[in-house]
Each structure stands twice: as structure tokens, then as C-alpha cells.
Amino acid sequence: DCSEWLFTSKKTDKAHPITMHVNFDKFSEGILVGDELVIDGGMATFQVTEKIGSDLRCKCTDPGLLLPRAKLSFWRDGKLVERNFGLPTLSTK
């Protein structure tokens, strides 16, 4: 649906339409703009459009159901880069 999402490990009060909190501070280390973020093996898919410190701004490329404690995996050029970072909560602001 091309919506913009922010994935962060920080507690934030900043206004962003859709924010997902990740429970691992260094979840974005080694991740590059253009990488694909896959939730729970394909329940939803995002493309990393911007890296802001340890936060990732992403575009939803395949919407789906996102549940608490979902697992993240990152893909680059069809190959797995990193996986299994849990998402303990979802919040929208």
C-alpha cells in the first residue's frame, strides 16, 4: 500500500503516522537503504528507504497482518542479511 513506517528501538513521542518498536537496540546495524524487511516470513514486507541513526524509515511493499512479537528478517539481493529481531509492541500515532 506504499505507506511509510518508522522502525525504532527508542521510545518516542514524535509524531510519525506509523511507528513500530523493536526490542533490540542494534537491530539496524549493517542494514542498508534498499534492503527488504520481511515480517514473520512474509506476513508483510517493507523496503528500507532511509536510515536515521539506528532507526529505519520503510515503505510498505506488501501489506499484511502484524502481530506482537513478530520476527524480522532483512534481505539484500535475494539473500538473507539478518533475522529474528522481535517486535514486542506495535503502536500508531
N, C-alpha and C. Protein backbone atom coordinates (compact mmCIF):
# COMPACT_ATOMS: atom_id res chain seq x y z
N ASP A 1 0.81 -1.20 0.00
CA ASP A 1 0.00 0.00 0.00
C ASP A 1 0.85 1.25 0.00
N CYS A 2 2.17 1.13 -0.01
CA CYS A 2 3.13 2.25 -0.11
C CYS A 2 3.11 3.19 1.09
N SER A 3 2.53 2.79 2.21
CA SER A 3 2.55 3.66 3.39
C SER A 3 3.96 3.69 3.99
N GLU A 4 4.26 4.78 4.69
CA GLU A 4 5.58 4.96 5.29
C GLU A 4 5.54 4.57 6.76
N TRP A 5 6.52 3.77 7.18
CA TRP A 5 6.61 3.27 8.55
C TRP A 5 7.96 3.64 9.14
N LEU A 6 8.01 3.81 10.45
CA LEU A 6 9.26 4.04 11.17
C LEU A 6 9.49 2.87 12.11
N PHE A 7 10.63 2.19 11.97
CA PHE A 7 11.03 1.10 12.86
C PHE A 7 12.09 1.66 13.79
N THR A 8 11.87 1.57 15.10
CA THR A 8 12.78 2.17 16.07
C THR A 8 12.87 1.33 17.33
N SER A 9 13.99 1.42 18.02
CA SER A 9 14.14 0.76 19.32
C SER A 9 13.98 1.77 20.46
N LYS A 10 13.75 3.03 20.09
CA LYS A 10 13.63 4.09 21.10
C LYS A 10 12.17 4.40 21.41
N LYS A 11 11.92 4.77 22.64
CA LYS A 11 10.59 5.29 23.00
C LYS A 11 10.53 6.70 22.43
N THR A 12 9.46 7.01 21.75
CA THR A 12 9.38 8.33 21.13
C THR A 12 7.98 8.90 21.24
N ASP A 13 7.91 10.20 21.40
CA ASP A 13 6.64 10.91 21.39
C ASP A 13 6.48 11.71 20.10
N LYS A 14 7.49 11.62 19.24
CA LYS A 14 7.44 12.37 17.99
C LYS A 14 6.30 11.85 17.13
N ALA A 15 5.68 12.76 16.46
CA ALA A 15 4.56 12.39 15.60
C ALA A 15 5.07 11.73 14.32
N HIS A 16 4.75 10.50 14.15
CA HIS A 16 5.00 9.77 12.91
C HIS A 16 3.78 8.90 12.70
N PRO A 17 3.24 8.90 11.51
CA PRO A 17 1.98 8.19 11.27
C PRO A 17 1.96 6.75 11.78
N ILE A 18 2.98 5.97 11.49
CA ILE A 18 3.01 4.58 11.92
C ILE A 18 4.41 4.27 12.46
N THR A 19 4.47 3.86 13.72
CA THR A 19 5.74 3.55 14.37
C THR A 19 5.70 2.13 14.91
N MET A 20 6.77 1.38 14.65
CA MET A 20 6.91 0.04 15.22
C MET A 20 8.13 0.04 16.13
N HIS A 21 7.96 -0.45 17.34
CA HIS A 21 9.05 -0.51 18.30
C HIS A 21 9.68 -1.90 18.27
N VAL A 22 11.00 -1.92 18.12
CA VAL A 22 11.77 -3.16 18.06
C VAL A 22 12.53 -3.30 19.38
N ASN A 23 12.59 -4.52 19.93
CA ASN A 23 13.17 -4.70 21.26
C ASN A 23 14.66 -5.00 21.26
N PHE A 24 15.38 -4.57 20.24
CA PHE A 24 16.83 -4.80 20.16
C PHE A 24 17.48 -3.52 19.66
N ASP A 25 18.32 -2.88 20.50
CA ASP A 25 18.88 -1.57 20.19
C ASP A 25 19.66 -1.51 18.88
N LYS A 26 20.37 -2.57 18.55
CA LYS A 26 21.23 -2.54 17.37
C LYS A 26 20.62 -3.29 16.19
N PHE A 27 19.28 -3.31 16.12
CA PHE A 27 18.62 -4.09 15.08
C PHE A 27 18.95 -3.63 13.66
N SER A 28 19.34 -2.37 13.50
CA SER A 28 19.56 -1.85 12.15
C SER A 28 21.03 -1.84 11.73
N GLU A 29 21.94 -2.33 12.59
CA GLU A 29 23.36 -2.37 12.22
C GLU A 29 23.56 -3.25 11.00
N GLY A 30 24.28 -2.74 10.03
CA GLY A 30 24.57 -3.50 8.82
C GLY A 30 23.45 -3.48 7.79
N ILE A 31 22.35 -2.81 8.10
CA ILE A 31 21.23 -2.73 7.17
C ILE A 31 21.42 -1.48 6.30
N LEU A 32 21.15 -1.62 5.01
CA LEU A 32 21.35 -0.54 4.05
C LEU A 32 20.03 -0.09 3.44
N VAL A 33 20.00 1.16 2.98
CA VAL A 33 18.86 1.64 2.21
C VAL A 33 18.71 0.72 1.00
N GLY A 34 17.49 0.29 0.74
CA GLY A 34 17.22 -0.63 -0.36
C GLY A 34 17.03 -2.06 0.09
N ASP A 35 17.48 -2.39 1.31
CA ASP A 35 17.26 -3.74 1.84
C ASP A 35 15.77 -3.97 2.04
N GLU A 36 15.38 -5.22 2.03
CA GLU A 36 13.99 -5.60 2.24
C GLU A 36 13.82 -6.11 3.67
N LEU A 37 12.80 -5.62 4.36
CA LEU A 37 12.48 -6.06 5.71
C LEU A 37 11.24 -6.93 5.61
N VAL A 38 11.34 -8.18 6.06
CA VAL A 38 10.23 -9.13 5.98
C VAL A 38 9.78 -9.47 7.39
N ILE A 39 8.47 -9.39 7.63
CA ILE A 39 7.89 -9.68 8.93
C ILE A 39 7.33 -11.10 8.93
N ASP A 40 7.71 -11.88 9.93
CA ASP A 40 7.19 -13.25 10.12
C ASP A 40 7.18 -14.07 8.84
N GLY A 41 8.30 -14.09 8.14
CA GLY A 41 8.44 -14.94 6.97
C GLY A 41 7.59 -14.55 5.78
N GLY A 42 7.04 -13.33 5.78
CA GLY A 42 6.30 -12.86 4.62
C GLY A 42 4.89 -12.36 4.92
N MET A 43 4.55 -12.25 6.21
CA MET A 43 3.23 -11.71 6.55
C MET A 43 3.08 -10.27 6.07
N ALA A 44 4.19 -9.54 6.02
CA ALA A 44 4.23 -8.18 5.48
C ALA A 44 5.67 -7.91 5.05
N THR A 45 5.83 -7.03 4.06
CA THR A 45 7.16 -6.74 3.53
C THR A 45 7.32 -5.23 3.37
N PHE A 46 8.54 -4.75 3.67
CA PHE A 46 8.86 -3.34 3.59
C PHE A 46 10.20 -3.17 2.89
N GLN A 47 10.39 -1.99 2.29
CA GLN A 47 11.69 -1.64 1.71
C GLN A 47 12.26 -0.48 2.51
N VAL A 48 13.53 -0.61 2.92
CA VAL A 48 14.19 0.44 3.69
C VAL A 48 14.46 1.62 2.75
N THR A 49 13.89 2.78 3.07
CA THR A 49 14.05 3.96 2.23
C THR A 49 15.02 4.98 2.83
N GLU A 50 15.21 4.91 4.16
CA GLU A 50 16.12 5.86 4.82
C GLU A 50 16.57 5.27 6.15
N LYS A 51 17.83 5.51 6.48
CA LYS A 51 18.37 5.10 7.77
C LYS A 51 18.71 6.37 8.53
N ILE A 52 18.09 6.54 9.71
CA ILE A 52 18.27 7.73 10.52
C ILE A 52 18.84 7.28 11.86
N GLY A 53 20.16 7.33 12.01
CA GLY A 53 20.79 6.78 13.21
C GLY A 53 20.52 5.29 13.26
N SER A 54 19.88 4.83 14.32
CA SER A 54 19.54 3.41 14.41
C SER A 54 18.10 3.13 13.96
N ASP A 55 17.38 4.16 13.56
CA ASP A 55 16.01 4.00 13.08
C ASP A 55 15.98 3.71 11.59
N LEU A 56 14.93 3.02 11.16
CA LEU A 56 14.74 2.75 9.74
C LEU A 56 13.40 3.30 9.30
N ARG A 57 13.41 4.09 8.25
CA ARG A 57 12.17 4.53 7.62
C ARG A 57 11.96 3.59 6.44
N CYS A 58 10.76 3.02 6.36
CA CYS A 58 10.49 2.00 5.35
C CYS A 58 9.18 2.27 4.63
N LYS A 59 9.08 1.74 3.42
CA LYS A 59 7.86 1.81 2.63
C LYS A 59 7.26 0.41 2.59
N CYS A 60 5.98 0.31 2.90
CA CYS A 60 5.30 -0.99 2.86
C CYS A 60 5.11 -1.39 1.40
N THR A 61 5.64 -2.56 1.03
CA THR A 61 5.52 -3.04 -0.35
C THR A 61 4.54 -4.20 -0.47
N ASP A 62 4.24 -4.86 0.65
CA ASP A 62 3.28 -5.96 0.66
C ASP A 62 2.61 -5.98 2.04
N PRO A 63 1.45 -5.32 2.19
CA PRO A 63 0.81 -5.21 3.49
C PRO A 63 0.29 -6.56 3.98
N GLY A 64 0.17 -6.66 5.29
CA GLY A 64 -0.36 -7.88 5.89
C GLY A 64 -0.61 -7.68 7.37
N LEU A 65 -0.90 -8.77 8.04
CA LEU A 65 -1.20 -8.76 9.46
C LEU A 65 0.09 -8.72 10.27
N LEU A 66 0.20 -7.73 11.16
CA LEU A 66 1.37 -7.61 12.03
C LEU A 66 0.93 -7.87 13.46
N LEU A 67 1.56 -8.86 14.07
CA LEU A 67 1.21 -9.25 15.42
C LEU A 67 2.34 -8.92 16.39
N PRO A 68 2.03 -8.72 17.69
CA PRO A 68 3.09 -8.52 18.67
C PRO A 68 4.04 -9.72 18.67
N ARG A 69 5.30 -9.45 18.94
CA ARG A 69 6.36 -10.46 18.98
C ARG A 69 6.64 -11.07 17.61
N ALA A 70 6.36 -10.33 16.58
CA ALA A 70 6.68 -10.78 15.22
C ALA A 70 8.19 -10.81 15.04
N LYS A 71 8.66 -11.61 14.13
CA LYS A 71 10.09 -11.72 13.85
C LYS A 71 10.43 -10.96 12.57
N LEU A 72 11.57 -10.27 12.61
CA LEU A 72 12.06 -9.52 11.45
C LEU A 72 13.17 -10.29 10.76
N SER A 73 13.21 -10.18 9.45
CA SER A 73 14.39 -10.64 8.71
C SER A 73 14.69 -9.59 7.65
N PHE A 74 15.97 -9.42 7.36
CA PHE A 74 16.40 -8.44 6.36
C PHE A 74 17.04 -9.18 5.20
N TRP A 75 16.68 -8.77 3.99
CA TRP A 75 17.17 -9.41 2.77
C TRP A 75 17.83 -8.37 1.87
N ARG A 76 18.89 -8.78 1.20
CA ARG A 76 19.59 -7.91 0.25
C ARG A 76 19.93 -8.75 -0.97
N ASP A 77 19.51 -8.30 -2.13
CA ASP A 77 19.79 -9.01 -3.39
C ASP A 77 19.37 -10.47 -3.32
N GLY A 78 18.23 -10.74 -2.69
CA GLY A 78 17.71 -12.09 -2.61
C GLY A 78 18.37 -12.98 -1.58
N LYS A 79 19.27 -12.42 -0.77
CA LYS A 79 19.98 -13.21 0.25
C LYS A 79 19.68 -12.67 1.64
N LEU A 80 19.55 -13.57 2.60
CA LEU A 80 19.28 -13.20 3.98
C LEU A 80 20.47 -12.45 4.57
N VAL A 81 20.20 -11.28 5.16
CA VAL A 81 21.24 -10.47 5.79
C VAL A 81 21.22 -10.69 7.30
N GLU A 82 20.07 -10.58 7.91
CA GLU A 82 19.93 -10.68 9.37
C GLU A 82 18.50 -11.10 9.67
N ARG A 83 18.30 -11.75 10.85
CA ARG A 83 16.94 -12.19 11.16
C ARG A 83 16.68 -12.30 12.66
N ASN A 84 15.41 -12.52 12.94
CA ASN A 84 14.91 -12.84 14.29
C ASN A 84 15.02 -11.74 15.32
N PHE A 85 14.75 -10.52 14.94
CA PHE A 85 14.60 -9.45 15.92
C PHE A 85 13.12 -9.33 16.21
N GLY A 86 12.75 -9.45 17.47
CA GLY A 86 11.33 -9.43 17.84
C GLY A 86 10.76 -8.03 17.87
N LEU A 87 9.49 -7.95 17.59
CA LEU A 87 8.74 -6.71 17.70
C LEU A 87 7.77 -6.89 18.86
N PRO A 88 8.08 -6.36 20.04
CA PRO A 88 7.22 -6.63 21.18
C PRO A 88 5.89 -5.89 21.14
N THR A 89 5.86 -4.71 20.55
CA THR A 89 4.62 -3.95 20.51
C THR A 89 4.51 -3.23 19.19
N LEU A 90 3.29 -2.93 18.83
CA LEU A 90 3.01 -2.10 17.66
C LEU A 90 2.28 -0.88 18.17
N SER A 91 2.61 0.27 17.65
CA SER A 91 1.88 1.46 18.06
C SER A 91 1.70 2.38 16.87
N THR A 92 0.56 3.01 16.83
CA THR A 92 0.33 4.01 15.79
C THR A 92 0.06 5.33 16.48
N LYS A 93 0.54 6.39 15.87
CA LYS A 93 0.34 7.72 16.44
C LYS A 93 -0.19 8.63 15.37
